[in-house]
Amino acid sequence: MTETTVSRSATTPRWARKGTVVLLTVALALVVFGTTTQTWLNVTLDPSDVRVAPLKVAGSKAATAVTALALVSLAGALAASIAGRVARWIIAVMIVISAAGIVSAGATVLADPLSAAQSAIASATGIAEGNADVQTTVFPVIAMVAGVLLALSAVVLLLAGRHWKQNTRYKSAAAAAASGTGEGTNAEHEASEDLDEIDSWDSLSRGEDPT
């Protein structure tokens, strides 16, 4: 580890370390995505008939946008680990917008669960705009809480990004590689010259004129 890396690690607060911030944002995006695979709505098609099993509606069906927004946030969090300062601002704004969409979608489901379940009801019964008893689970709330924390993590990303300095070792490595390439080219040129001389002797031994 170079002195530049040691000094940078010493001056970077623990909360602002790149790995910590990126992993936190990734974890929150995965939590949101995970909730969409769980049951958001329990739908009883005929409340008067206890023999009818409730229809379980997953979050990916009740709020289709949440899945896509979670994946966008996940991709943004991963990209932030290698992004520059300007790109991090763009990524942070993208994550905040996605988080706002996640919270909005969850609130819509909680406010009107019957409307959110209509697609699943129509698929099960073949009747659009059908009536049913719809109960929400805890997963829309978990998605909304994770969405709020996701927006906060985007703010933390911007604040922490000020402590992330570009590592000069990559430039040094690139320069060394370029220098090595130049030396390698000279060596190959000298080798090709030697090889040409050998070929010339072989040609002479075969009675050919190499010139």
N, C-alpha and C. Protein backbone atom coordinates (compact mmCIF):
# COMPACT_ATOMS: atom_id res chain seq x y z
N MET A 1 0.84 -1.20 0.00
CA MET A 1 0.00 0.00 0.00
C MET A 1 0.88 1.24 0.00
N THR A 2 0.66 2.19 -0.87
CA THR A 2 1.48 3.37 -1.00
C THR A 2 1.15 4.38 0.08
N GLU A 3 2.05 5.38 0.24
CA GLU A 3 1.82 6.43 1.23
C GLU A 3 0.59 7.25 0.87
N THR A 4 0.33 7.44 -0.43
CA THR A 4 -0.85 8.20 -0.86
C THR A 4 -2.12 7.52 -0.43
N THR A 5 -2.17 6.20 -0.58
CA THR A 5 -3.36 5.45 -0.18
C THR A 5 -3.56 5.49 1.33
N VAL A 6 -2.45 5.37 2.09
CA VAL A 6 -2.55 5.37 3.55
C VAL A 6 -3.06 6.71 4.05
N SER A 7 -2.50 7.81 3.53
CA SER A 7 -2.91 9.13 3.99
C SER A 7 -4.35 9.42 3.62
N ARG A 8 -4.79 8.96 2.45
CA ARG A 8 -6.16 9.19 2.04
C ARG A 8 -7.13 8.43 2.93
N SER A 9 -6.77 7.17 3.30
CA SER A 9 -7.63 6.38 4.16
C SER A 9 -7.71 7.00 5.55
N ALA A 10 -6.60 7.61 5.99
CA ALA A 10 -6.57 8.20 7.32
C ALA A 10 -7.44 9.44 7.40
N THR A 11 -7.52 10.20 6.31
CA THR A 11 -8.29 11.45 6.32
C THR A 11 -9.75 11.24 5.94
N THR A 12 -10.11 10.10 5.41
CA THR A 12 -11.50 9.83 5.03
C THR A 12 -12.28 9.31 6.24
N PRO A 13 -13.36 9.98 6.62
CA PRO A 13 -14.17 9.49 7.75
C PRO A 13 -14.70 8.09 7.47
N ARG A 14 -14.91 7.35 8.53
CA ARG A 14 -15.37 5.97 8.36
C ARG A 14 -16.70 5.90 7.62
N TRP A 15 -17.61 6.86 7.94
CA TRP A 15 -18.93 6.84 7.30
C TRP A 15 -18.85 7.18 5.82
N ALA A 16 -17.77 7.86 5.41
CA ALA A 16 -17.65 8.32 4.03
C ALA A 16 -16.84 7.39 3.15
N ARG A 17 -16.41 6.26 3.68
CA ARG A 17 -15.64 5.33 2.86
C ARG A 17 -16.48 4.81 1.70
N LYS A 18 -15.85 4.72 0.57
CA LYS A 18 -16.58 4.36 -0.65
C LYS A 18 -17.29 3.02 -0.52
N GLY A 19 -16.59 2.04 0.01
CA GLY A 19 -17.20 0.71 0.14
C GLY A 19 -18.42 0.74 1.03
N THR A 20 -18.35 1.50 2.14
CA THR A 20 -19.48 1.58 3.06
C THR A 20 -20.69 2.20 2.42
N VAL A 21 -20.50 3.33 1.74
CA VAL A 21 -21.63 4.06 1.14
C VAL A 21 -22.25 3.27 0.00
N VAL A 22 -21.40 2.72 -0.84
CA VAL A 22 -21.90 1.97 -2.00
C VAL A 22 -22.66 0.72 -1.54
N LEU A 23 -22.09 -0.01 -0.58
CA LEU A 23 -22.75 -1.22 -0.10
C LEU A 23 -24.08 -0.90 0.59
N LEU A 24 -24.14 0.22 1.30
CA LEU A 24 -25.40 0.63 1.94
C LEU A 24 -26.47 0.89 0.89
N THR A 25 -26.11 1.63 -0.16
CA THR A 25 -27.08 1.94 -1.21
C THR A 25 -27.52 0.69 -1.95
N VAL A 26 -26.57 -0.19 -2.23
CA VAL A 26 -26.90 -1.46 -2.89
C VAL A 26 -27.85 -2.28 -2.02
N ALA A 27 -27.56 -2.34 -0.71
CA ALA A 27 -28.40 -3.12 0.20
C ALA A 27 -29.83 -2.59 0.23
N LEU A 28 -29.99 -1.28 0.26
CA LEU A 28 -31.34 -0.70 0.29
C LEU A 28 -32.09 -0.97 -1.00
N ALA A 29 -31.39 -0.87 -2.13
CA ALA A 29 -32.03 -1.18 -3.41
C ALA A 29 -32.46 -2.64 -3.47
N LEU A 30 -31.63 -3.53 -2.91
CA LEU A 30 -31.99 -4.94 -2.89
C LEU A 30 -33.17 -5.21 -1.96
N VAL A 31 -33.25 -4.45 -0.87
CA VAL A 31 -34.40 -4.60 0.03
C VAL A 31 -35.69 -4.25 -0.70
N VAL A 32 -35.66 -3.13 -1.42
CA VAL A 32 -36.85 -2.73 -2.18
C VAL A 32 -37.21 -3.79 -3.21
N PHE A 33 -36.20 -4.26 -3.95
CA PHE A 33 -36.46 -5.29 -4.95
C PHE A 33 -37.00 -6.56 -4.29
N GLY A 34 -36.46 -6.90 -3.13
CA GLY A 34 -36.92 -8.11 -2.44
C GLY A 34 -38.37 -8.03 -2.03
N THR A 35 -38.83 -6.85 -1.64
CA THR A 35 -40.23 -6.72 -1.24
C THR A 35 -41.18 -6.98 -2.40
N THR A 36 -40.75 -6.68 -3.61
CA THR A 36 -41.64 -6.87 -4.77
C THR A 36 -41.86 -8.35 -5.08
N THR A 37 -41.01 -9.21 -4.54
CA THR A 37 -41.20 -10.65 -4.74
C THR A 37 -42.13 -11.24 -3.69
N GLN A 38 -42.52 -10.45 -2.70
CA GLN A 38 -43.39 -10.92 -1.63
C GLN A 38 -44.83 -10.46 -1.86
N THR A 39 -45.72 -10.99 -1.05
CA THR A 39 -47.15 -10.67 -1.18
C THR A 39 -47.43 -9.30 -0.59
N TRP A 40 -48.00 -8.42 -1.41
CA TRP A 40 -48.40 -7.09 -0.97
C TRP A 40 -49.89 -7.06 -0.62
N LEU A 41 -50.67 -7.85 -1.35
CA LEU A 41 -52.13 -7.80 -1.18
C LEU A 41 -52.69 -9.20 -1.04
N ASN A 42 -53.59 -9.37 -0.09
CA ASN A 42 -54.38 -10.59 0.03
C ASN A 42 -55.82 -10.27 -0.40
N VAL A 43 -56.25 -10.90 -1.48
CA VAL A 43 -57.54 -10.58 -2.08
C VAL A 43 -58.51 -11.74 -1.85
N THR A 44 -59.65 -11.44 -1.23
CA THR A 44 -60.72 -12.42 -1.08
C THR A 44 -61.80 -12.10 -2.11
N LEU A 45 -61.91 -12.96 -3.11
CA LEU A 45 -62.83 -12.67 -4.22
C LEU A 45 -64.28 -12.74 -3.78
N ASP A 46 -64.60 -13.66 -2.88
CA ASP A 46 -65.99 -13.80 -2.40
C ASP A 46 -65.97 -13.81 -0.87
N PRO A 47 -66.10 -12.64 -0.24
CA PRO A 47 -66.02 -12.58 1.22
C PRO A 47 -67.06 -13.44 1.92
N SER A 48 -68.17 -13.74 1.25
CA SER A 48 -69.23 -14.51 1.89
C SER A 48 -68.94 -16.01 1.91
N ASP A 49 -67.95 -16.43 1.13
CA ASP A 49 -67.61 -17.85 1.02
C ASP A 49 -66.22 -18.06 1.63
N VAL A 50 -66.20 -18.64 2.81
CA VAL A 50 -64.93 -18.83 3.51
C VAL A 50 -64.09 -19.93 2.86
N ARG A 51 -64.69 -20.70 1.98
CA ARG A 51 -63.95 -21.78 1.32
C ARG A 51 -63.06 -21.26 0.21
N VAL A 52 -63.29 -20.01 -0.23
CA VAL A 52 -62.48 -19.44 -1.31
C VAL A 52 -61.15 -18.95 -0.73
N ALA A 53 -60.06 -19.50 -1.24
CA ALA A 53 -58.73 -19.10 -0.75
C ALA A 53 -58.40 -17.69 -1.22
N PRO A 54 -57.77 -16.90 -0.37
CA PRO A 54 -57.38 -15.55 -0.78
C PRO A 54 -56.41 -15.58 -1.96
N LEU A 55 -56.53 -14.60 -2.81
CA LEU A 55 -55.62 -14.45 -3.94
C LEU A 55 -54.45 -13.58 -3.50
N LYS A 56 -53.26 -14.09 -3.62
CA LYS A 56 -52.07 -13.36 -3.18
C LYS A 56 -51.47 -12.59 -4.35
N VAL A 57 -51.30 -11.29 -4.16
CA VAL A 57 -50.77 -10.42 -5.21
C VAL A 57 -49.38 -9.93 -4.79
N ALA A 58 -48.39 -10.27 -5.57
CA ALA A 58 -47.02 -9.85 -5.26
C ALA A 58 -46.83 -8.37 -5.56
N GLY A 59 -45.79 -7.80 -4.97
CA GLY A 59 -45.51 -6.40 -5.20
C GLY A 59 -45.20 -6.07 -6.65
N SER A 60 -44.60 -7.03 -7.36
CA SER A 60 -44.29 -6.80 -8.77
C SER A 60 -45.55 -6.67 -9.61
N LYS A 61 -46.69 -7.17 -9.11
CA LYS A 61 -47.96 -7.05 -9.80
C LYS A 61 -48.78 -5.87 -9.28
N ALA A 62 -48.69 -5.64 -7.97
CA ALA A 62 -49.46 -4.54 -7.38
C ALA A 62 -48.87 -3.18 -7.73
N ALA A 63 -47.56 -3.10 -7.82
CA ALA A 63 -46.87 -1.84 -8.16
C ALA A 63 -45.71 -2.18 -9.08
N THR A 64 -46.01 -2.30 -10.36
CA THR A 64 -45.02 -2.78 -11.33
C THR A 64 -43.81 -1.87 -11.44
N ALA A 65 -43.99 -0.58 -11.18
CA ALA A 65 -42.88 0.36 -11.34
C ALA A 65 -41.81 0.17 -10.29
N VAL A 66 -42.17 -0.36 -9.14
CA VAL A 66 -41.22 -0.47 -8.03
C VAL A 66 -40.05 -1.39 -8.41
N THR A 67 -40.33 -2.46 -9.08
CA THR A 67 -39.26 -3.39 -9.49
C THR A 67 -38.24 -2.69 -10.37
N ALA A 68 -38.73 -1.97 -11.37
CA ALA A 68 -37.83 -1.27 -12.29
C ALA A 68 -37.04 -0.18 -11.57
N LEU A 69 -37.70 0.56 -10.69
CA LEU A 69 -37.03 1.64 -9.97
C LEU A 69 -35.96 1.09 -9.02
N ALA A 70 -36.22 -0.06 -8.42
CA ALA A 70 -35.22 -0.69 -7.56
C ALA A 70 -33.99 -1.09 -8.36
N LEU A 71 -34.20 -1.63 -9.55
CA LEU A 71 -33.08 -2.03 -10.40
C LEU A 71 -32.28 -0.82 -10.87
N VAL A 72 -32.98 0.28 -11.17
CA VAL A 72 -32.29 1.52 -11.55
C VAL A 72 -31.41 2.01 -10.41
N SER A 73 -31.93 1.99 -9.20
CA SER A 73 -31.15 2.41 -8.03
C SER A 73 -29.96 1.50 -7.81
N LEU A 74 -30.16 0.21 -8.00
CA LEU A 74 -29.07 -0.75 -7.83
C LEU A 74 -27.96 -0.49 -8.84
N ALA A 75 -28.33 -0.28 -10.09
CA ALA A 75 -27.33 0.00 -11.12
C ALA A 75 -26.60 1.30 -10.84
N GLY A 76 -27.34 2.31 -10.36
CA GLY A 76 -26.72 3.59 -10.03
C GLY A 76 -25.73 3.46 -8.89
N ALA A 77 -26.07 2.68 -7.88
CA ALA A 77 -25.17 2.50 -6.75
C ALA A 77 -23.88 1.82 -7.18
N LEU A 78 -23.98 0.82 -8.04
CA LEU A 78 -22.78 0.14 -8.52
C LEU A 78 -21.94 1.06 -9.40
N ALA A 79 -22.60 1.86 -10.22
CA ALA A 79 -21.87 2.79 -11.09
C ALA A 79 -21.17 3.88 -10.30
N ALA A 80 -21.73 4.26 -9.15
CA ALA A 80 -21.14 5.32 -8.34
C ALA A 80 -19.76 4.96 -7.83
N SER A 81 -19.48 3.67 -7.72
CA SER A 81 -18.18 3.23 -7.19
C SER A 81 -17.03 3.57 -8.14
N ILE A 82 -17.31 3.77 -9.43
CA ILE A 82 -16.26 4.08 -10.40
C ILE A 82 -16.50 5.41 -11.10
N ALA A 83 -17.54 6.13 -10.70
CA ALA A 83 -17.92 7.36 -11.38
C ALA A 83 -17.09 8.53 -10.88
N GLY A 84 -16.97 9.55 -11.73
CA GLY A 84 -16.33 10.79 -11.34
C GLY A 84 -17.29 11.70 -10.59
N ARG A 85 -16.82 12.91 -10.27
CA ARG A 85 -17.62 13.80 -9.45
C ARG A 85 -18.92 14.20 -10.13
N VAL A 86 -18.87 14.60 -11.40
CA VAL A 86 -20.07 15.02 -12.12
C VAL A 86 -21.03 13.84 -12.28
N ALA A 87 -20.47 12.69 -12.63
CA ALA A 87 -21.31 11.50 -12.81
C ALA A 87 -21.99 11.11 -11.50
N ARG A 88 -21.31 11.30 -10.38
CA ARG A 88 -21.93 10.96 -9.09
C ARG A 88 -23.13 11.85 -8.80
N TRP A 89 -23.06 13.11 -9.19
CA TRP A 89 -24.22 13.99 -9.03
C TRP A 89 -25.40 13.48 -9.85
N ILE A 90 -25.13 13.11 -11.08
CA ILE A 90 -26.20 12.59 -11.94
C ILE A 90 -26.79 11.31 -11.35
N ILE A 91 -25.92 10.43 -10.86
CA ILE A 91 -26.38 9.17 -10.27
C ILE A 91 -27.20 9.43 -9.02
N ALA A 92 -26.74 10.37 -8.19
CA ALA A 92 -27.47 10.68 -6.96
C ALA A 92 -28.87 11.21 -7.27
N VAL A 93 -28.98 12.09 -8.24
CA VAL A 93 -30.30 12.62 -8.63
C VAL A 93 -31.18 11.49 -9.15
N MET A 94 -30.60 10.59 -9.93
CA MET A 94 -31.34 9.45 -10.47
C MET A 94 -31.87 8.56 -9.35
N ILE A 95 -31.03 8.34 -8.33
CA ILE A 95 -31.45 7.50 -7.21
C ILE A 95 -32.56 8.18 -6.41
N VAL A 96 -32.44 9.49 -6.21
CA VAL A 96 -33.48 10.22 -5.48
C VAL A 96 -34.82 10.15 -6.22
N ILE A 97 -34.79 10.33 -7.53
CA ILE A 97 -36.02 10.25 -8.32
C ILE A 97 -36.61 8.84 -8.23
N SER A 98 -35.76 7.83 -8.33
CA SER A 98 -36.24 6.45 -8.22
C SER A 98 -36.84 6.20 -6.84
N ALA A 99 -36.19 6.71 -5.80
CA ALA A 99 -36.69 6.53 -4.45
C ALA A 99 -38.05 7.21 -4.27
N ALA A 100 -38.19 8.39 -4.84
CA ALA A 100 -39.48 9.09 -4.77
C ALA A 100 -40.57 8.29 -5.47
N GLY A 101 -40.23 7.67 -6.60
CA GLY A 101 -41.19 6.83 -7.31
C GLY A 101 -41.58 5.60 -6.50
N ILE A 102 -40.61 5.03 -5.78
CA ILE A 102 -40.89 3.86 -4.95
C ILE A 102 -41.85 4.22 -3.82
N VAL A 103 -41.59 5.34 -3.16
CA VAL A 103 -42.46 5.78 -2.06
C VAL A 103 -43.85 6.11 -2.57
N SER A 104 -43.91 6.78 -3.72
CA SER A 104 -45.20 7.14 -4.30
C SER A 104 -46.01 5.90 -4.67
N ALA A 105 -45.35 4.91 -5.26
CA ALA A 105 -46.05 3.69 -5.67
C ALA A 105 -46.56 2.93 -4.45
N GLY A 106 -45.74 2.86 -3.40
CA GLY A 106 -46.19 2.18 -2.19
C GLY A 106 -47.36 2.89 -1.54
N ALA A 107 -47.32 4.22 -1.52
CA ALA A 107 -48.41 4.99 -0.93
C ALA A 107 -49.70 4.80 -1.73
N THR A 108 -49.58 4.70 -3.06
CA THR A 108 -50.76 4.50 -3.91
C THR A 108 -51.42 3.16 -3.60
N VAL A 109 -50.60 2.13 -3.41
CA VAL A 109 -51.15 0.81 -3.08
C VAL A 109 -51.86 0.84 -1.74
N LEU A 110 -51.26 1.49 -0.76
CA LEU A 110 -51.87 1.56 0.57
C LEU A 110 -53.16 2.39 0.56
N ALA A 111 -53.18 3.43 -0.26
CA ALA A 111 -54.35 4.31 -0.31
C ALA A 111 -55.54 3.66 -1.01
N ASP A 112 -55.27 2.85 -2.04
CA ASP A 112 -56.35 2.21 -2.80
C ASP A 112 -55.93 0.80 -3.19
N PRO A 113 -55.93 -0.12 -2.26
CA PRO A 113 -55.47 -1.49 -2.57
C PRO A 113 -56.35 -2.21 -3.58
N LEU A 114 -57.64 -1.88 -3.61
CA LEU A 114 -58.53 -2.55 -4.57
C LEU A 114 -58.12 -2.23 -6.00
N SER A 115 -57.81 -0.98 -6.27
CA SER A 115 -57.37 -0.61 -7.62
C SER A 115 -56.06 -1.30 -7.97
N ALA A 116 -55.16 -1.41 -6.99
CA ALA A 116 -53.88 -2.06 -7.24
C ALA A 116 -54.05 -3.55 -7.53
N ALA A 117 -55.12 -4.13 -7.02
CA ALA A 117 -55.35 -5.57 -7.20
C ALA A 117 -56.21 -5.89 -8.42
N GLN A 118 -56.71 -4.88 -9.12
CA GLN A 118 -57.64 -5.13 -10.22
C GLN A 118 -57.05 -5.99 -11.32
N SER A 119 -55.79 -5.80 -11.61
CA SER A 119 -55.16 -6.60 -12.67
C SER A 119 -55.15 -8.08 -12.29
N ALA A 120 -54.80 -8.36 -11.05
CA ALA A 120 -54.78 -9.76 -10.59
C ALA A 120 -56.18 -10.34 -10.51
N ILE A 121 -57.15 -9.52 -10.10
CA ILE A 121 -58.54 -9.98 -10.04
C ILE A 121 -59.07 -10.32 -11.42
N ALA A 122 -58.76 -9.45 -12.39
CA ALA A 122 -59.20 -9.69 -13.76
C ALA A 122 -58.58 -10.95 -14.34
N SER A 123 -57.30 -11.20 -14.01
CA SER A 123 -56.63 -12.41 -14.50
C SER A 123 -57.23 -13.66 -13.89
N ALA A 124 -57.67 -13.57 -12.62
CA ALA A 124 -58.20 -14.75 -11.94
C ALA A 124 -59.65 -15.03 -12.29
N THR A 125 -60.43 -13.98 -12.51
CA THR A 125 -61.87 -14.15 -12.73
C THR A 125 -62.32 -13.86 -14.15
N GLY A 126 -61.49 -13.13 -14.90
CA GLY A 126 -61.89 -12.72 -16.24
C GLY A 126 -62.84 -11.55 -16.23
N ILE A 127 -63.06 -10.95 -15.07
CA ILE A 127 -63.99 -9.82 -14.94
C ILE A 127 -63.20 -8.59 -14.52
N ALA A 128 -63.28 -7.54 -15.34
CA ALA A 128 -62.60 -6.30 -15.02
C ALA A 128 -63.43 -5.49 -14.03
N GLU A 129 -62.76 -4.71 -13.23
CA GLU A 129 -63.40 -3.87 -12.22
C GLU A 129 -64.28 -4.68 -11.28
N GLY A 130 -63.78 -5.84 -10.87
CA GLY A 130 -64.54 -6.67 -9.95
C GLY A 130 -64.39 -6.22 -8.51
N ASN A 131 -65.35 -6.59 -7.68
CA ASN A 131 -65.32 -6.24 -6.27
C ASN A 131 -64.67 -7.37 -5.48
N ALA A 132 -63.97 -7.00 -4.43
CA ALA A 132 -63.32 -8.00 -3.59
C ALA A 132 -62.88 -7.33 -2.30
N ASP A 133 -62.58 -8.15 -1.33
CA ASP A 133 -62.05 -7.67 -0.06
C ASP A 133 -60.52 -7.77 -0.14
N VAL A 134 -59.86 -6.62 -0.05
CA VAL A 134 -58.41 -6.57 -0.23
C VAL A 134 -57.75 -6.11 1.06
N GLN A 135 -56.78 -6.89 1.51
CA GLN A 135 -56.00 -6.55 2.70
C GLN A 135 -54.52 -6.39 2.31
N THR A 136 -53.92 -5.33 2.81
CA THR A 136 -52.50 -5.11 2.51
C THR A 136 -51.63 -5.81 3.56
N THR A 137 -50.40 -6.13 3.16
CA THR A 137 -49.42 -6.71 4.07
C THR A 137 -48.43 -5.62 4.49
N VAL A 138 -47.39 -6.04 5.19
CA VAL A 138 -46.40 -5.08 5.68
C VAL A 138 -45.38 -4.70 4.62
N PHE A 139 -45.31 -5.44 3.53
CA PHE A 139 -44.24 -5.22 2.55
C PHE A 139 -44.32 -3.89 1.80
N PRO A 140 -45.50 -3.35 1.50
CA PRO A 140 -45.51 -2.00 0.91
C PRO A 140 -44.89 -0.96 1.84
N VAL A 141 -45.11 -1.11 3.13
CA VAL A 141 -44.53 -0.18 4.11
C VAL A 141 -43.01 -0.34 4.14
N ILE A 142 -42.54 -1.59 4.11
CA ILE A 142 -41.10 -1.82 4.10
C ILE A 142 -40.47 -1.20 2.86
N ALA A 143 -41.13 -1.34 1.71
CA ALA A 143 -40.61 -0.75 0.48
C ALA A 143 -40.54 0.76 0.58
N MET A 144 -41.55 1.37 1.19
CA MET A 144 -41.56 2.82 1.34
C MET A 144 -40.45 3.30 2.28
N VAL A 145 -40.28 2.60 3.39
CA VAL A 145 -39.21 2.97 4.33
C VAL A 145 -37.84 2.83 3.67
N ALA A 146 -37.64 1.72 2.95
CA ALA A 146 -36.38 1.53 2.24
C ALA A 146 -36.19 2.59 1.16
N GLY A 147 -37.29 3.03 0.54
CA GLY A 147 -37.20 4.08 -0.46
C GLY A 147 -36.75 5.40 0.13
N VAL A 148 -37.28 5.74 1.31
CA VAL A 148 -36.85 6.97 1.99
C VAL A 148 -35.37 6.88 2.35
N LEU A 149 -34.95 5.75 2.89
CA LEU A 149 -33.54 5.57 3.23
C LEU A 149 -32.66 5.59 1.99
N LEU A 150 -33.20 5.12 0.88
CA LEU A 150 -32.46 5.13 -0.39
C LEU A 150 -32.20 6.56 -0.84
N ALA A 151 -33.20 7.42 -0.68
CA ALA A 151 -33.00 8.83 -1.03
C ALA A 151 -31.95 9.47 -0.12
N LEU A 152 -31.98 9.13 1.16
CA LEU A 152 -30.98 9.66 2.09
C LEU A 152 -29.58 9.15 1.74
N SER A 153 -29.50 7.91 1.29
CA SER A 153 -28.20 7.36 0.92
C SER A 153 -27.62 8.08 -0.29
N ALA A 154 -28.50 8.58 -1.17
CA ALA A 154 -28.02 9.36 -2.32
C ALA A 154 -27.39 10.67 -1.86
N VAL A 155 -27.98 11.29 -0.82
CA VAL A 155 -27.41 12.51 -0.25
C VAL A 155 -26.06 12.20 0.39
N VAL A 156 -26.01 11.08 1.12
CA VAL A 156 -24.75 10.67 1.73
C VAL A 156 -23.70 10.40 0.66
N LEU A 157 -24.13 9.86 -0.46
CA LEU A 157 -23.22 9.58 -1.57
C LEU A 157 -22.54 10.86 -2.04
N LEU A 158 -23.30 11.94 -2.14
CA LEU A 158 -22.73 13.21 -2.58
C LEU A 158 -21.77 13.77 -1.54
N LEU A 159 -22.17 13.69 -0.27
CA LEU A 159 -21.31 14.22 0.80
C LEU A 159 -20.03 13.40 0.93
N ALA A 160 -20.17 12.08 0.86
CA ALA A 160 -19.00 11.22 0.99
C ALA A 160 -18.09 11.32 -0.21
N GLY A 161 -18.68 11.57 -1.39
CA GLY A 161 -17.89 11.64 -2.61
C GLY A 161 -16.84 12.73 -2.59
N ARG A 162 -17.02 13.74 -1.74
CA ARG A 162 -16.03 14.80 -1.64
C ARG A 162 -14.72 14.30 -1.03
N HIS A 163 -14.78 13.20 -0.33
CA HIS A 163 -13.57 12.62 0.27
C HIS A 163 -12.92 11.58 -0.63
N TRP A 164 -13.56 11.27 -1.75
CA TRP A 164 -13.02 10.25 -2.64
C TRP A 164 -12.12 10.93 -3.65
N LYS A 165 -10.85 10.71 -3.54
CA LYS A 165 -9.89 11.31 -4.46
C LYS A 165 -9.43 10.26 -5.45
N GLN A 166 -9.15 10.75 -6.64
CA GLN A 166 -8.71 9.82 -7.68
C GLN A 166 -7.34 9.29 -7.32
N ASN A 167 -7.18 8.00 -7.42
CA ASN A 167 -5.92 7.37 -7.06
C ASN A 167 -4.90 7.57 -8.17
N THR A 168 -3.78 8.21 -7.81
CA THR A 168 -2.77 8.50 -8.81
C THR A 168 -1.99 7.27 -9.23
N ARG A 169 -2.16 6.16 -8.51
CA ARG A 169 -1.43 4.95 -8.86
C ARG A 169 -1.81 4.45 -10.24
N TYR A 170 -3.10 4.71 -10.63
CA TYR A 170 -3.54 4.23 -11.95
C TYR A 170 -2.80 4.97 -13.06
N LYS A 171 -2.58 6.27 -12.83
CA LYS A 171 -1.84 7.03 -13.82
C LYS A 171 -0.41 6.52 -13.93
N SER A 172 0.20 6.27 -12.75
CA SER A 172 1.56 5.75 -12.75
C SER A 172 1.64 4.40 -13.45
N ALA A 173 0.63 3.55 -13.16
CA ALA A 173 0.61 2.24 -13.79
C ALA A 173 0.46 2.36 -15.30
N ALA A 174 -0.38 3.32 -15.71
CA ALA A 174 -0.59 3.51 -17.14
C ALA A 174 0.69 3.99 -17.81
N ALA A 175 1.41 4.93 -17.11
CA ALA A 175 2.65 5.43 -17.68
C ALA A 175 3.69 4.32 -17.77
N ALA A 176 3.74 3.50 -16.69
CA ALA A 176 4.69 2.39 -16.71
C ALA A 176 4.36 1.40 -17.81
N ALA A 177 3.04 1.18 -17.99
CA ALA A 177 2.63 0.25 -19.05
C ALA A 177 3.01 0.79 -20.42
N ALA A 178 2.83 2.12 -20.58
CA ALA A 178 3.19 2.73 -21.86
C ALA A 178 4.69 2.63 -22.10
N SER A 179 5.47 2.87 -21.01
CA SER A 179 6.91 2.76 -21.13
C SER A 179 7.33 1.34 -21.44
N GLY A 180 6.66 0.39 -20.74
CA GLY A 180 6.96 -1.01 -20.99
C GLY A 180 6.63 -1.43 -22.40
N THR A 181 5.53 -0.84 -22.93
CA THR A 181 5.13 -1.16 -24.30
C THR A 181 6.18 -0.68 -25.28
N GLY A 182 6.72 0.53 -24.97
CA GLY A 182 7.75 1.07 -25.86
C GLY A 182 8.99 0.21 -25.85
N GLU A 183 9.40 -0.23 -24.63
CA GLU A 183 10.57 -1.10 -24.55
C GLU A 183 10.32 -2.42 -25.23
N GLY A 184 9.09 -2.93 -25.06
CA GLY A 184 8.74 -4.19 -25.70
C GLY A 184 8.79 -4.08 -27.21
N THR A 185 8.37 -2.90 -27.72
CA THR A 185 8.38 -2.70 -29.18
C THR A 185 9.80 -2.70 -29.70
N ASN A 186 10.72 -2.01 -28.94
CA ASN A 186 12.13 -1.99 -29.37
C ASN A 186 12.71 -3.38 -29.36
N ALA A 187 12.35 -4.15 -28.30
CA ALA A 187 12.88 -5.51 -28.21
C ALA A 187 12.39 -6.36 -29.37
N GLU A 188 11.10 -6.18 -29.69
CA GLU A 188 10.55 -6.95 -30.80
C GLU A 188 11.22 -6.55 -32.11
N HIS A 189 11.53 -5.23 -32.22
CA HIS A 189 12.17 -4.77 -33.45
C HIS A 189 13.55 -5.39 -33.59
N GLU A 190 14.31 -5.40 -32.42
CA GLU A 190 15.64 -6.00 -32.48
C GLU A 190 15.55 -7.49 -32.78
N ALA A 191 14.54 -8.15 -32.18
CA ALA A 191 14.38 -9.57 -32.44
C ALA A 191 14.05 -9.84 -33.89
N SER A 192 13.23 -8.93 -34.46
CA SER A 192 12.87 -9.12 -35.86
C SER A 192 14.06 -8.93 -36.76
N GLU A 193 14.97 -7.98 -36.33
CA GLU A 193 16.17 -7.80 -37.13
C GLU A 193 17.04 -9.06 -37.08
N ASP A 194 17.19 -9.64 -35.85
CA ASP A 194 17.97 -10.87 -35.74
C ASP A 194 17.34 -11.98 -36.56
N LEU A 195 16.04 -12.05 -36.51
CA LEU A 195 15.36 -13.09 -37.25
C LEU A 195 15.54 -12.91 -38.74
N ASP A 196 15.59 -11.65 -39.18
CA ASP A 196 15.82 -11.40 -40.60
C ASP A 196 17.20 -11.87 -41.01
N GLU A 197 18.21 -11.66 -40.16
CA GLU A 197 19.56 -12.11 -40.47
C GLU A 197 19.63 -13.63 -40.55
N ILE A 198 18.95 -14.30 -39.64
CA ILE A 198 18.92 -15.77 -39.67
C ILE A 198 18.27 -16.25 -40.95
N ASP A 199 17.14 -15.61 -41.29
CA ASP A 199 16.48 -15.99 -42.53
C ASP A 199 17.37 -15.78 -43.74
N SER A 200 18.18 -14.71 -43.66
CA SER A 200 19.08 -14.45 -44.79
C SER A 200 20.11 -15.57 -44.93
N TRP A 201 20.67 -16.05 -43.82
CA TRP A 201 21.62 -17.15 -43.89
C TRP A 201 20.96 -18.41 -44.39
N ASP A 202 19.73 -18.64 -43.97
CA ASP A 202 19.02 -19.83 -44.46
C ASP A 202 18.82 -19.74 -45.97
N SER A 203 18.52 -18.54 -46.43
CA SER A 203 18.33 -18.36 -47.87
C SER A 203 19.61 -18.63 -48.64
N LEU A 204 20.72 -18.15 -48.07
CA LEU A 204 22.00 -18.39 -48.73
C LEU A 204 22.33 -19.88 -48.76
N SER A 205 21.99 -20.59 -47.66
CA SER A 205 22.31 -22.02 -47.63
C SER A 205 21.49 -22.77 -48.64
N ARG A 206 20.33 -22.20 -49.01
CA ARG A 206 19.52 -22.85 -50.03
C ARG A 206 19.88 -22.40 -51.46
N GLY A 207 20.91 -21.54 -51.54
CA GLY A 207 21.34 -21.08 -52.83
C GLY A 207 20.51 -19.94 -53.36
N GLU A 208 19.79 -19.26 -52.45
CA GLU A 208 18.96 -18.13 -52.89
C GLU A 208 19.65 -16.83 -52.53
N ASP A 209 19.34 -15.77 -53.25
CA ASP A 209 19.89 -14.46 -52.99
C ASP A 209 18.90 -13.68 -52.14
N PRO A 210 19.20 -13.46 -50.87
CA PRO A 210 18.24 -12.77 -49.99
C PRO A 210 18.06 -11.31 -50.34
N THR A 211 18.96 -10.73 -51.13
CA THR A 211 18.84 -9.32 -51.46
C THR A 211 17.82 -9.11 -52.57
